Amino acid sequence: MRLYHGSYCKIKLIDLNFSRKYMDFGPGFYLTPNYRRAVMMANRSVDLRGEGMPEVNSFIFNRISCSKCVKIKEFKSNNWEWAEFVMKNRDKSAIVLYNHEYDIVIGPVADSRVDAEIRNYKQEAGENYLNPVNLKTLASRLRYAGESYIQYCFCTERSLNYLIRD
C-alpha cells in the first residue's frame, strides 16, 4: 500500500524526535493513503511554518510483512473506543503524557476542533467522561466534517522498519 506524508520539505530520514505531542494517536510519523489529503497537509505545513515548499513524500507499507512483535491498533470507525483513544492522546491537562502500547495506529482523522470539543465534552460529562455511552457522543462530535480520512501513525522506531521510501 502506498502512503503519503505531506510536509514543508522532502523527508530524507524519519526522526520521531520531531513528532508533535497531543496528536490523535499520540506522537509519531503520520501518513495517509489519500494523496489529495497529503497535498492539503503539505500546503498547511508550509502555511503554518511560513517557510519551505509543499512536498508529498511517498512510502510503501506492507502490513502483511510486519512481524508478530509489531503491535497494530486499527479503528474501523469513529466509535466510542476511538474517541476515548483520541481524547487520551490529546489531553494537554494530563500530568503525564498518555503512552499507549502500539507501534502503529490506523484509523479516522478527528475533526480540527478536537481540543475544544474534548474540553466541552469533559465539562458536560463530568466524572462519567469515560463511560462508553457518553463517549459515543464525543465520537459523533469528533467526526471529520466533510470527506473522512484515514491516517496511519508509525509510533515507534520498530514500526519505521516497515516503511519503504517510494
Protein backbone atom coordinates (compact mmCIF):
# COMPACT_ATOMS: atom_id res chain seq x y z
CA MET A 1 0.00 0.00 0.00
CA ARG A 2 1.25 3.48 -0.86
CA LEU A 3 1.07 6.05 1.94
CA TYR A 4 1.81 9.77 1.76
CA HIS A 5 3.20 12.33 4.17
CA GLY A 6 2.60 16.00 3.37
CA SER A 7 5.34 18.31 4.60
CA TYR A 8 7.15 21.60 4.03
CA CYS A 9 10.22 19.62 2.88
CA LYS A 10 11.39 16.32 1.45
CA ILE A 11 11.80 13.75 4.21
CA LYS A 12 15.22 12.14 3.93
CA LEU A 13 15.23 10.38 7.28
CA ILE A 14 12.26 9.89 9.59
CA ASP A 15 13.13 11.11 13.07
CA LEU A 16 10.46 10.52 15.71
CA ASN A 17 12.11 13.14 17.91
CA PHE A 18 10.42 15.73 15.66
CA SER A 19 6.96 14.26 16.39
CA ARG A 20 4.42 16.61 17.83
CA LYS A 21 2.72 15.67 21.09
CA TYR A 22 -1.03 15.67 21.57
CA MET A 23 -1.97 14.34 18.14
CA ASP A 24 -4.93 11.98 17.54
CA PHE A 25 -2.85 8.84 18.02
CA GLY A 26 -0.01 10.36 20.01
CA PRO A 27 3.47 11.30 18.85
CA GLY A 28 4.57 9.58 15.65
CA PHE A 29 5.04 9.82 11.91
CA TYR A 30 1.63 10.35 10.30
CA LEU A 31 0.71 9.27 6.79
CA THR A 32 -2.43 8.87 4.70
CA PRO A 33 -3.39 6.68 1.74
CA ASN A 34 -5.18 9.73 0.27
CA TYR A 35 -2.87 11.74 -1.99
CA ARG A 36 -5.17 14.82 -2.00
CA ARG A 37 -5.15 14.85 1.80
CA ALA A 38 -1.33 14.72 1.77
CA VAL A 39 -1.23 17.71 -0.61
CA MET A 40 -3.57 19.63 1.72
CA MET A 41 -1.34 18.79 4.70
CA ALA A 42 1.81 19.82 2.78
CA ASN A 43 0.25 23.21 1.98
CA ARG A 44 -0.92 23.60 5.58
CA SER A 45 2.56 22.76 6.86
CA VAL A 46 4.13 25.48 4.68
CA ASP A 47 1.48 27.99 5.80
CA LEU A 48 1.99 27.20 9.50
CA ARG A 49 5.79 27.33 9.31
CA GLY A 50 5.97 30.26 6.93
CA GLU A 51 8.78 28.56 5.05
CA GLY A 52 9.59 25.67 2.73
CA MET A 53 7.83 24.22 -0.28
CA PRO A 54 4.88 21.80 -0.22
CA GLU A 55 6.25 18.29 -0.59
CA VAL A 56 4.38 14.98 -0.73
CA ASN A 57 6.63 12.16 0.44
CA SER A 58 5.64 8.69 -0.73
CA PHE A 59 6.22 5.42 1.15
CA ILE A 60 5.26 1.78 0.71
CA PHE A 61 3.81 -0.14 3.65
CA ASN A 62 3.05 -3.85 3.51
CA ARG A 63 1.13 -4.71 6.67
CA ILE A 64 1.44 -8.43 5.99
CA SER A 65 5.23 -8.16 6.23
CA CYS A 66 5.05 -6.92 9.83
CA SER A 67 6.38 -9.40 12.34
CA LYS A 68 4.15 -10.59 15.16
CA CYS A 69 6.05 -8.37 17.61
CA VAL A 70 4.70 -5.24 15.86
CA LYS A 71 1.57 -4.16 17.74
CA ILE A 72 -1.01 -2.62 15.42
CA LYS A 73 -4.24 -1.00 16.55
CA GLU A 74 -6.84 -0.30 13.87
CA PHE A 75 -10.00 1.68 14.43
CA LYS A 76 -12.50 0.79 11.71
CA SER A 77 -14.83 3.67 12.57
CA ASN A 78 -15.35 6.74 14.73
CA ASN A 79 -16.70 4.69 17.62
CA TRP A 80 -16.51 5.29 21.39
CA GLU A 81 -13.20 3.39 21.69
CA TRP A 82 -11.65 5.62 19.00
CA ALA A 83 -13.00 8.74 20.74
CA GLU A 84 -11.52 7.65 24.09
CA PHE A 85 -8.14 6.95 22.46
CA VAL A 86 -8.07 10.34 20.71
CA MET A 87 -9.14 12.10 23.91
CA LYS A 88 -6.36 10.45 25.95
CA ASN A 89 -3.70 11.29 23.36
CA ARG A 90 -4.83 14.90 23.05
CA ASP A 91 -5.20 15.57 26.78
CA LYS A 92 -2.92 18.54 27.44
CA SER A 93 -4.13 18.76 31.05
CA ALA A 94 -2.75 15.32 31.99
CA ILE A 95 0.22 15.39 34.32
CA VAL A 96 1.89 12.63 32.29
CA LEU A 97 1.64 12.29 28.51
CA TYR A 98 -0.56 9.30 27.62
CA ASN A 99 1.62 6.46 26.37
CA HIS A 100 -0.14 3.63 24.54
CA GLU A 101 1.41 0.27 23.70
CA TYR A 102 1.07 0.28 19.92
CA ASP A 103 3.74 0.52 17.24
CA ILE A 104 1.26 1.50 14.52
CA VAL A 105 -2.20 3.01 14.89
CA ILE A 106 -4.63 3.23 11.96
CA GLY A 107 -7.97 4.99 11.93
CA PRO A 108 -10.07 8.03 11.13
CA VAL A 109 -8.80 11.59 11.42
CA ALA A 110 -10.57 13.63 14.11
CA ASP A 111 -12.13 16.99 13.30
CA SER A 112 -9.87 20.03 13.55
CA ARG A 113 -11.85 21.37 16.54
CA VAL A 114 -10.79 18.38 18.67
CA ASP A 115 -9.36 20.23 21.66
CA ALA A 116 -12.40 22.47 22.12
CA GLU A 117 -14.79 19.54 21.66
CA ILE A 118 -12.94 17.41 24.24
CA ARG A 119 -12.89 20.28 26.73
CA ASN A 120 -16.65 20.88 26.30
CA TYR A 121 -17.39 17.15 26.45
CA LYS A 122 -15.46 16.67 29.72
CA GLN A 123 -17.31 19.60 31.31
CA GLU A 124 -20.68 18.20 30.24
CA ALA A 125 -19.97 14.55 31.16
CA GLY A 126 -18.20 15.32 34.43
CA GLU A 127 -16.86 12.26 36.24
CA ASN A 128 -18.62 9.98 33.73
CA TYR A 129 -16.48 11.12 30.78
CA LEU A 130 -15.01 7.61 30.29
CA ASN A 131 -18.43 5.95 30.15
CA PRO A 132 -18.83 4.25 26.71
CA VAL A 133 -22.36 5.64 26.29
CA ASN A 134 -21.07 9.18 26.83
CA LEU A 135 -18.04 8.51 24.62
CA LYS A 136 -20.40 7.75 21.72
CA THR A 137 -21.50 11.38 21.97
CA LEU A 138 -17.88 12.52 21.84
CA ALA A 139 -17.21 10.24 18.85
CA SER A 140 -20.03 11.88 16.90
CA ARG A 141 -18.62 15.34 17.69
CA LEU A 142 -15.08 14.42 16.64
CA ARG A 143 -16.04 13.09 13.21
CA TYR A 144 -14.27 14.97 10.49
CA ALA A 145 -16.62 17.36 8.70
CA GLY A 146 -16.90 16.52 5.01
CA GLU A 147 -14.92 13.71 3.47
CA SER A 148 -13.49 11.34 6.08
CA TYR A 149 -9.81 10.47 6.01
CA ILE A 150 -7.77 7.58 7.34
CA GLN A 151 -4.42 8.15 8.99
CA TYR A 152 -1.56 5.82 9.78
CA CYS A 153 0.63 6.72 12.74
CA PHE A 154 4.01 5.00 12.99
CA CYS A 155 4.73 5.47 16.69
CA THR A 156 7.96 3.57 17.29
CA GLU A 157 11.37 3.09 15.71
CA ARG A 158 10.46 -0.58 15.22
CA SER A 159 7.44 0.40 13.11
CA LEU A 160 9.56 2.62 10.85
CA ASN A 161 11.41 -0.50 9.66
CA TYR A 162 8.26 -1.42 7.72
CA LEU A 163 8.07 1.83 5.77
CA ILE A 164 9.94 1.89 2.48
CA ARG A 165 10.59 5.16 0.67
CA ASP A 166 8.86 5.06 -2.70
